[in-house]
């Protein structure tokens, strides 16, 4: 994104300068939104994995405790 915006400023007077500028401006917000969604998904996946690990340890601990049967 920065490269296309920078290049469009350096190519003033060239026919492709406007197109490069539009390319940079047009993709900036969708890519920012995508980055935010990916970061949010990553955070949620890590939280989910931590919860599963907690549950696995709790279940393992329950099975490891000595069971007392009827006397």
Protein backbone atom coordinates (compact mmCIF):
# COMPACT_ATOMS: atom_id res chain seq x y z
CA UNK A 1 0.00 0.00 0.00
CA UNK A 2 2.69 2.45 0.96
CA UNK A 3 4.72 1.56 -2.10
CA UNK A 4 1.92 2.26 -4.58
CA UNK A 5 1.09 5.56 -2.87
CA UNK A 6 4.76 6.57 -2.73
CA UNK A 7 5.38 5.61 -6.36
CA UNK A 8 2.30 7.46 -7.55
CA UNK A 9 3.70 10.63 -5.96
CA UNK A 10 7.05 10.07 -7.63
CA UNK A 11 5.52 9.50 -11.05
CA UNK A 12 3.73 12.81 -11.29
CA UNK A 13 3.01 13.46 -14.93
CA UNK A 14 3.00 9.79 -15.91
CA UNK A 15 -0.28 8.31 -17.06
CA UNK A 16 -0.16 5.50 -14.48
CA UNK A 17 0.34 7.78 -11.45
CA UNK A 18 -3.38 8.29 -10.88
CA UNK A 19 -4.09 4.57 -11.19
CA UNK A 20 -1.42 3.68 -8.66
CA UNK A 21 -2.79 6.27 -6.27
CA UNK A 22 -6.31 4.88 -6.64
CA UNK A 23 -4.98 1.36 -6.13
CA UNK A 24 -3.30 2.33 -2.89
CA UNK A 25 -6.29 4.28 -1.61
CA UNK A 26 -8.84 1.71 -2.73
CA UNK A 27 -7.21 -1.27 -0.99
CA UNK A 28 -6.14 0.51 2.17
CA UNK A 29 -9.40 0.17 4.13
CA UNK A 30 -10.31 -3.39 3.05
CA UNK A 31 -6.82 -4.61 3.95
CA UNK A 32 -6.95 -2.80 7.31
CA UNK A 33 -10.31 -4.46 8.01
CA UNK A 34 -8.90 -7.84 7.04
CA UNK A 35 -5.91 -7.34 9.33
CA UNK A 36 -8.24 -6.50 12.23
CA UNK A 37 -10.43 -9.55 11.57
CA UNK A 38 -7.40 -11.85 11.42
CA UNK A 39 -6.04 -10.43 14.68
CA UNK A 40 -9.43 -10.87 16.34
CA UNK A 41 -9.73 -14.43 15.06
CA UNK A 42 -6.24 -15.21 16.35
CA UNK A 43 -7.13 -13.86 19.79
CA UNK A 44 -10.34 -15.89 19.87
CA UNK A 45 -8.57 -19.08 18.77
CA UNK A 46 -5.93 -18.66 21.47
CA UNK A 47 -8.62 -18.12 24.11
CA UNK A 48 -10.49 -21.18 22.87
CA UNK A 49 -7.34 -23.32 23.02
CA UNK A 50 -6.61 -22.11 26.56
CA UNK A 51 -10.15 -23.01 27.63
CA UNK A 52 -9.84 -26.49 26.13
CA UNK A 53 -6.52 -26.98 27.88
CA UNK A 54 -8.09 -25.90 31.19
CA UNK A 55 -10.99 -28.33 30.69
CA UNK A 56 -8.65 -31.17 29.72
CA UNK A 57 -6.60 -30.64 32.87
CA UNK A 58 -9.74 -30.51 35.02
CA UNK A 59 -11.08 -33.74 33.54
CA UNK A 60 -7.70 -35.45 33.86
CA UNK A 61 -7.52 -34.33 37.46
CA UNK A 62 -10.98 -35.70 38.20
CA UNK A 63 -10.08 -39.10 36.76
CA UNK A 64 -6.76 -39.16 38.59
CA UNK A 65 -8.38 -38.64 42.02
CA UNK A 66 -8.94 -41.86 43.91
CA UNK A 67 -12.50 -43.04 43.60
CA UNK A 68 -14.25 -44.15 46.74
CA UNK A 69 -16.78 -46.84 46.22
CA UNK A 70 -19.58 -47.97 48.50
CA UNK A 71 -18.47 -49.68 51.66
